[in-house]
Each structure stands twice: as structure tokens, then as C-alpha cells.
Amino acid sequence: MTNPKHYPVSTDLAPAEQWNKSSYSSQDNGNCIETTARSAAASRSGLVGVRDSKLKDGPALAFPAPAFSAFIDTVRRGALDSVVVDN
């Protein structure tokens, strides 16, 4: 079911059991993301879902699997390590 603003919600992308919490996440429900990157749904749809682990029924971002893989490879190489974010 898509919400009125036409943003995909997490249940549009995969059932609850197919979402994976970041391995860097604490288990005390801190600030985390979850993805469908390793799920069968992601491989069937060609999309990878990304959501806030605290808003499981909320909106989710959907990325083409090749774009998400390229992002992950960029992070692993450390190419974004010098990016500074001011809060």
C-alpha cells in the first residue's frame, strides 16, 4: 500500500522479515537503518529498500540495486571518509 504522497512505504518493498538491520547498529534501538539488500525481494524487484529502523511502517527509499552496490563499494573504499558534515 502506497501512502498518499506516493512515497513507497517499507511494506511496499518487502515483508518485515526481509529487512536487515545494519551490522554497525546497536541492538538498543538506536539510530539505525535497515535495508532489503540481502533479501529475495530486492533481487526480484531490482530495488534495494532503505528505511529508518524506528519507523518500520514509515516511508522507505528505494534505489536500483546497481546504484546501491556502487554506493556501498564507495563507502568500503573510504572515498567518503573526508566528507565533513556540520550539524
N, C-alpha and C. Protein backbone atom coordinates (compact mmCIF):
# COMPACT_ATOMS: atom_id res chain seq x y z
N MET A 1 0.84 -1.17 0.00
CA MET A 1 0.00 0.00 0.00
C MET A 1 0.89 1.24 0.00
N THR A 2 0.67 2.13 -0.93
CA THR A 2 1.47 3.34 -1.03
C THR A 2 0.75 4.47 -0.32
N ASN A 3 1.52 5.30 0.38
CA ASN A 3 0.88 6.39 1.12
C ASN A 3 0.42 7.49 0.17
N PRO A 4 -0.39 8.44 0.64
CA PRO A 4 -0.99 9.44 -0.24
C PRO A 4 0.00 10.30 -1.01
N LYS A 5 1.21 10.50 -0.49
CA LYS A 5 2.19 11.30 -1.21
C LYS A 5 2.95 10.48 -2.24
N HIS A 6 2.61 9.23 -2.39
CA HIS A 6 3.20 8.32 -3.37
C HIS A 6 4.64 7.96 -3.06
N TYR A 7 5.06 8.12 -1.81
CA TYR A 7 6.36 7.61 -1.40
C TYR A 7 6.18 6.15 -1.06
N PRO A 8 7.13 5.31 -1.43
CA PRO A 8 6.96 3.91 -1.04
C PRO A 8 7.08 3.77 0.47
N VAL A 9 6.30 2.90 1.02
CA VAL A 9 6.45 2.58 2.44
C VAL A 9 7.14 1.23 2.51
N SER A 10 7.69 0.94 3.67
CA SER A 10 8.52 -0.26 3.79
C SER A 10 7.78 -1.53 3.40
N THR A 11 6.50 -1.60 3.69
CA THR A 11 5.75 -2.81 3.37
C THR A 11 5.51 -2.95 1.86
N ASP A 12 5.69 -1.86 1.11
CA ASP A 12 5.60 -1.95 -0.35
C ASP A 12 6.81 -2.68 -0.92
N LEU A 13 7.94 -2.55 -0.24
CA LEU A 13 9.19 -3.07 -0.78
C LEU A 13 9.50 -4.49 -0.36
N ALA A 14 9.14 -4.85 0.86
CA ALA A 14 9.43 -6.20 1.35
C ALA A 14 8.69 -6.44 2.65
N PRO A 15 8.35 -7.70 2.94
CA PRO A 15 7.75 -8.01 4.22
C PRO A 15 8.75 -7.80 5.35
N ALA A 16 8.25 -7.69 6.56
CA ALA A 16 9.07 -7.36 7.73
C ALA A 16 10.29 -8.28 7.88
N GLU A 17 10.13 -9.55 7.64
CA GLU A 17 11.23 -10.49 7.87
C GLU A 17 12.36 -10.36 6.83
N GLN A 18 12.15 -9.59 5.78
CA GLN A 18 13.19 -9.44 4.76
C GLN A 18 14.01 -8.17 4.92
N TRP A 19 13.75 -7.41 5.98
CA TRP A 19 14.55 -6.21 6.26
C TRP A 19 15.71 -6.60 7.17
N ASN A 20 16.89 -6.04 6.91
CA ASN A 20 18.11 -6.35 7.67
C ASN A 20 18.64 -5.10 8.33
N LYS A 21 18.87 -5.16 9.64
CA LYS A 21 19.42 -4.02 10.37
C LYS A 21 20.92 -3.94 10.12
N SER A 22 21.43 -2.73 10.05
CA SER A 22 22.85 -2.50 9.84
C SER A 22 23.67 -3.24 10.91
N SER A 23 24.76 -3.85 10.48
CA SER A 23 25.63 -4.55 11.43
C SER A 23 26.36 -3.56 12.34
N TYR A 24 26.39 -2.28 11.96
CA TYR A 24 27.01 -1.25 12.79
C TYR A 24 26.03 -0.68 13.81
N SER A 25 24.82 -1.13 13.77
CA SER A 25 23.77 -0.64 14.65
C SER A 25 23.86 -1.29 16.01
N SER A 26 23.53 -0.51 17.04
CA SER A 26 23.43 -1.12 18.37
C SER A 26 22.10 -1.85 18.45
N GLN A 27 22.01 -2.76 19.34
CA GLN A 27 20.77 -3.53 19.47
C GLN A 27 19.77 -2.88 20.41
N ASP A 28 20.07 -1.68 20.90
CA ASP A 28 19.16 -0.99 21.82
C ASP A 28 18.25 0.01 21.11
N ASN A 29 17.98 -0.26 19.82
CA ASN A 29 17.08 0.58 19.02
C ASN A 29 17.58 2.01 18.88
N GLY A 30 18.87 2.17 18.72
CA GLY A 30 19.45 3.48 18.47
C GLY A 30 19.15 3.96 17.06
N ASN A 31 19.89 4.96 16.61
CA ASN A 31 19.71 5.48 15.26
C ASN A 31 20.29 4.49 14.26
N CYS A 32 19.43 3.83 13.52
CA CYS A 32 19.87 2.75 12.63
C CYS A 32 19.13 2.83 11.31
N ILE A 33 19.70 2.13 10.33
CA ILE A 33 18.97 1.92 9.09
C ILE A 33 18.78 0.42 8.90
N GLU A 34 17.80 0.10 8.09
CA GLU A 34 17.58 -1.27 7.67
C GLU A 34 17.47 -1.26 6.15
N THR A 35 17.91 -2.36 5.54
CA THR A 35 17.83 -2.47 4.08
C THR A 35 17.25 -3.82 3.68
N THR A 36 16.85 -3.89 2.44
CA THR A 36 16.43 -5.16 1.85
C THR A 36 17.52 -5.72 0.96
N ALA A 37 18.75 -5.20 1.11
CA ALA A 37 19.84 -5.52 0.19
C ALA A 37 20.12 -7.01 0.06
N ARG A 38 19.92 -7.77 1.12
CA ARG A 38 20.23 -9.20 1.05
C ARG A 38 18.99 -10.06 0.88
N SER A 39 17.87 -9.44 0.58
CA SER A 39 16.63 -10.22 0.54
C SER A 39 16.28 -10.68 -0.88
N ALA A 40 15.48 -11.69 -0.93
CA ALA A 40 14.99 -12.19 -2.22
C ALA A 40 14.13 -11.13 -2.91
N ALA A 41 13.40 -10.34 -2.12
CA ALA A 41 12.55 -9.29 -2.70
C ALA A 41 13.40 -8.28 -3.46
N ALA A 42 14.56 -7.94 -2.91
CA ALA A 42 15.44 -6.98 -3.57
C ALA A 42 15.92 -7.53 -4.91
N SER A 43 16.28 -8.80 -4.94
CA SER A 43 16.78 -9.36 -6.19
C SER A 43 15.67 -9.50 -7.22
N ARG A 44 14.45 -9.79 -6.79
CA ARG A 44 13.33 -9.90 -7.73
C ARG A 44 12.91 -8.56 -8.29
N SER A 45 12.87 -7.54 -7.43
CA SER A 45 12.39 -6.24 -7.88
C SER A 45 13.46 -5.40 -8.53
N GLY A 46 14.73 -5.72 -8.26
CA GLY A 46 15.82 -4.91 -8.76
C GLY A 46 16.03 -3.65 -7.94
N LEU A 47 15.31 -3.55 -6.81
CA LEU A 47 15.42 -2.38 -5.94
C LEU A 47 15.93 -2.79 -4.57
N VAL A 48 16.61 -1.85 -3.93
CA VAL A 48 17.03 -2.03 -2.55
C VAL A 48 16.30 -1.00 -1.72
N GLY A 49 15.59 -1.45 -0.71
CA GLY A 49 14.87 -0.54 0.18
C GLY A 49 15.76 -0.13 1.34
N VAL A 50 15.62 1.12 1.76
CA VAL A 50 16.35 1.65 2.92
C VAL A 50 15.33 2.38 3.79
N ARG A 51 15.30 2.06 5.09
CA ARG A 51 14.35 2.71 5.99
C ARG A 51 14.98 2.97 7.35
N ASP A 52 14.34 3.83 8.11
CA ASP A 52 14.72 4.10 9.49
C ASP A 52 14.20 2.94 10.32
N SER A 53 15.06 2.34 11.11
CA SER A 53 14.65 1.17 11.88
C SER A 53 13.60 1.50 12.93
N LYS A 54 13.48 2.77 13.31
CA LYS A 54 12.48 3.15 14.30
C LYS A 54 11.12 3.41 13.66
N LEU A 55 11.06 3.53 12.34
CA LEU A 55 9.80 3.82 11.63
C LEU A 55 9.51 2.71 10.64
N LYS A 56 9.34 1.52 11.14
CA LYS A 56 9.20 0.35 10.29
C LYS A 56 8.03 0.42 9.31
N ASP A 57 6.98 1.13 9.67
CA ASP A 57 5.84 1.27 8.76
C ASP A 57 5.86 2.60 8.02
N GLY A 58 6.93 3.33 8.18
CA GLY A 58 7.04 4.64 7.57
C GLY A 58 7.58 4.57 6.16
N PRO A 59 7.93 5.73 5.62
CA PRO A 59 8.44 5.77 4.24
C PRO A 59 9.79 5.08 4.14
N ALA A 60 10.09 4.63 2.97
CA ALA A 60 11.37 4.00 2.69
C ALA A 60 11.89 4.54 1.37
N LEU A 61 13.19 4.58 1.25
CA LEU A 61 13.82 4.96 0.00
C LEU A 61 14.03 3.70 -0.82
N ALA A 62 13.91 3.80 -2.12
CA ALA A 62 14.14 2.66 -3.00
C ALA A 62 15.19 3.05 -4.03
N PHE A 63 16.26 2.26 -4.09
CA PHE A 63 17.36 2.52 -5.01
C PHE A 63 17.51 1.35 -5.96
N PRO A 64 17.86 1.61 -7.22
CA PRO A 64 18.20 0.49 -8.10
C PRO A 64 19.38 -0.27 -7.49
N ALA A 65 19.32 -1.59 -7.51
CA ALA A 65 20.35 -2.41 -6.89
C ALA A 65 21.76 -2.06 -7.36
N PRO A 66 22.01 -1.81 -8.66
CA PRO A 66 23.38 -1.45 -9.07
C PRO A 66 23.85 -0.14 -8.45
N ALA A 67 22.97 0.84 -8.31
CA ALA A 67 23.34 2.12 -7.70
C ALA A 67 23.67 1.93 -6.22
N PHE A 68 22.89 1.11 -5.52
CA PHE A 68 23.15 0.86 -4.11
C PHE A 68 24.48 0.12 -3.93
N SER A 69 24.74 -0.84 -4.79
CA SER A 69 26.02 -1.57 -4.73
C SER A 69 27.19 -0.63 -4.96
N ALA A 70 27.06 0.29 -5.92
CA ALA A 70 28.13 1.26 -6.18
C ALA A 70 28.35 2.15 -4.96
N PHE A 71 27.28 2.56 -4.29
CA PHE A 71 27.39 3.36 -3.08
C PHE A 71 28.14 2.60 -1.99
N ILE A 72 27.76 1.35 -1.77
CA ILE A 72 28.41 0.52 -0.75
C ILE A 72 29.90 0.34 -1.07
N ASP A 73 30.23 0.10 -2.34
CA ASP A 73 31.63 -0.04 -2.74
C ASP A 73 32.41 1.25 -2.47
N THR A 74 31.78 2.39 -2.73
CA THR A 74 32.42 3.69 -2.49
C THR A 74 32.70 3.88 -1.01
N VAL A 75 31.74 3.52 -0.17
CA VAL A 75 31.93 3.63 1.29
C VAL A 75 33.04 2.70 1.75
N ARG A 76 33.04 1.47 1.27
CA ARG A 76 34.06 0.49 1.69
C ARG A 76 35.46 0.93 1.29
N ARG A 77 35.59 1.59 0.15
CA ARG A 77 36.90 2.08 -0.30
C ARG A 77 37.36 3.28 0.52
N GLY A 78 36.46 3.87 1.29
CA GLY A 78 36.81 5.03 2.10
C GLY A 78 36.77 6.34 1.33
N ALA A 79 36.18 6.33 0.16
CA ALA A 79 36.16 7.53 -0.68
C ALA A 79 35.33 8.66 -0.08
N LEU A 80 34.50 8.37 0.90
CA LEU A 80 33.68 9.41 1.52
C LEU A 80 34.19 9.78 2.91
N ASP A 81 35.31 9.20 3.32
CA ASP A 81 35.83 9.45 4.67
C ASP A 81 36.19 10.90 4.94
N SER A 82 36.54 11.61 3.91
CA SER A 82 36.94 13.02 4.11
C SER A 82 35.77 13.99 4.06
N VAL A 83 34.58 13.47 3.80
CA VAL A 83 33.40 14.34 3.76
C VAL A 83 33.04 14.74 5.19
N VAL A 84 32.90 16.03 5.42
CA VAL A 84 32.59 16.55 6.75
C VAL A 84 31.15 17.04 6.75
N VAL A 85 30.40 16.63 7.76
CA VAL A 85 29.01 17.07 7.89
C VAL A 85 28.92 17.95 9.13
N ASP A 86 28.49 19.20 8.95
CA ASP A 86 28.26 20.09 10.08
C ASP A 86 26.82 19.94 10.53
N ASN A 87 26.64 19.75 11.82
CA ASN A 87 25.27 19.66 12.35
C ASN A 87 24.81 20.98 12.84
